[in-house]
């Protein structure tokens, strides 16, 4: 399975708990992906062709991430508000983080 197809199917998995875990396990099994762990948490999946799908939301460009960052900081009321955009070396996209530089 290609990474864009895996990411699209991953985005369709809704909810929390047991049903989400089962659906995610089935998707990983079908795709033949290997989980990438950091501190005992899944941070992404490596496809058979070597491409990577991150668990975080991936932005294709720095500009699209910056636009979403501005929107989120304007309306967010929760504790962990993103403060900057950073490039991801694994998926070659961009992510948001609440950790200052």
Protein backbone atom coordinates (compact mmCIF):
# COMPACT_ATOMS: atom_id res chain seq x y z
CA UNK A 1 0.00 0.00 0.00
CA UNK A 2 1.27 3.47 -0.83
CA UNK A 3 1.67 6.07 1.90
CA UNK A 4 -0.98 8.47 0.54
CA UNK A 5 -3.57 5.68 0.49
CA UNK A 6 -2.59 4.62 4.04
CA UNK A 7 -2.86 8.23 5.26
CA UNK A 8 -6.28 8.65 3.63
CA UNK A 9 -7.59 5.45 5.26
CA UNK A 10 -6.01 6.44 8.58
CA UNK A 11 -7.89 9.76 8.49
CA UNK A 12 -11.17 7.89 8.04
CA UNK A 13 -10.76 5.94 11.29
CA UNK A 14 -12.91 7.79 13.82
CA UNK A 15 -13.43 7.54 17.54
CA UNK A 16 -11.36 6.38 20.46
CA UNK A 17 -10.88 3.23 22.43
CA UNK A 18 -11.23 -0.38 21.41
CA UNK A 19 -12.87 0.14 18.01
CA UNK A 20 -10.21 2.62 16.87
CA UNK A 21 -7.40 0.31 18.03
CA UNK A 22 -8.93 -2.63 16.15
CA UNK A 23 -9.44 -0.61 12.97
CA UNK A 24 -5.91 0.78 13.16
CA UNK A 25 -4.42 -2.68 13.77
CA UNK A 26 -6.33 -4.04 10.75
CA UNK A 27 -5.11 -1.17 8.55
CA UNK A 28 -1.48 -1.70 9.62
CA UNK A 29 -1.80 -5.45 9.02
CA UNK A 30 -3.37 -5.00 5.55
CA UNK A 31 -0.77 -2.47 4.47
CA UNK A 32 2.24 -4.36 5.83
CA UNK A 33 3.40 -1.19 7.60
CA UNK A 34 5.83 -1.21 10.52
CA UNK A 35 5.11 1.02 13.52
CA UNK A 36 7.73 3.64 14.39
CA UNK A 37 8.00 4.00 18.17
CA UNK A 38 9.47 6.78 20.29
CA UNK A 39 9.30 6.48 24.09
CA UNK A 40 6.79 3.61 23.73
CA UNK A 41 4.42 5.73 21.61
CA UNK A 42 3.61 5.25 17.95
CA UNK A 43 4.82 8.33 16.08
CA UNK A 44 4.34 6.98 12.56
CA UNK A 45 4.38 4.02 10.21
CA UNK A 46 7.00 2.93 7.67
CA UNK A 47 5.56 1.50 4.48
CA UNK A 48 7.11 -1.41 2.60
CA UNK A 49 8.55 0.98 0.00
CA UNK A 50 10.37 2.95 2.75
CA UNK A 51 8.05 5.96 2.81
CA UNK A 52 6.78 7.22 6.16
CA UNK A 53 3.33 8.27 7.37
CA UNK A 54 3.46 10.39 10.53
CA UNK A 55 0.83 10.12 13.26
CA UNK A 56 0.63 13.92 13.36
CA UNK A 57 -1.26 16.01 10.83
CA UNK A 58 1.00 16.56 7.81
CA UNK A 59 1.07 19.85 5.92
CA UNK A 60 2.49 19.83 2.41
CA UNK A 61 3.98 23.32 2.67
CA UNK A 62 5.23 25.71 5.32
CA UNK A 63 2.68 28.28 4.15
CA UNK A 64 -0.34 25.99 4.63
CA UNK A 65 0.92 25.04 8.10
CA UNK A 66 1.42 28.73 9.00
CA UNK A 67 -2.13 29.56 7.91
CA UNK A 68 -3.52 26.77 10.09
CA UNK A 69 -1.25 27.84 12.96
CA UNK A 70 -2.70 31.36 12.81
CA UNK A 71 -6.25 30.00 12.73
CA UNK A 72 -5.67 27.65 15.67
CA UNK A 73 -3.96 30.24 17.87
CA UNK A 74 -6.85 32.63 17.23
CA UNK A 75 -9.62 30.22 18.29
CA UNK A 76 -7.89 27.71 20.61
CA UNK A 77 -8.80 27.58 24.28
CA UNK A 78 -6.96 24.42 25.34
CA UNK A 79 -3.63 24.12 27.17
CA UNK A 80 -1.31 23.02 24.33
CA UNK A 81 -1.64 25.70 21.68
CA UNK A 82 0.81 25.34 18.78
CA UNK A 83 3.38 28.13 18.57
CA UNK A 84 5.49 27.24 15.54
CA UNK A 85 5.84 25.20 12.37
CA UNK A 86 8.70 22.73 11.91
CA UNK A 87 9.84 20.50 9.01
CA UNK A 88 9.58 16.75 9.55
CA UNK A 89 12.59 14.80 8.29
CA UNK A 90 10.60 11.54 8.22
CA UNK A 91 7.60 12.42 6.05
CA UNK A 92 9.20 15.47 4.39
CA UNK A 93 6.19 17.56 5.35
CA UNK A 94 5.54 20.13 8.06
CA UNK A 95 3.94 19.82 11.49
CA UNK A 96 2.83 22.17 14.29
CA UNK A 97 4.27 22.07 17.80
CA UNK A 98 3.53 23.80 21.09
CA UNK A 99 7.21 23.62 22.09
CA UNK A 100 9.09 26.90 21.62
CA UNK A 101 12.20 26.87 19.44
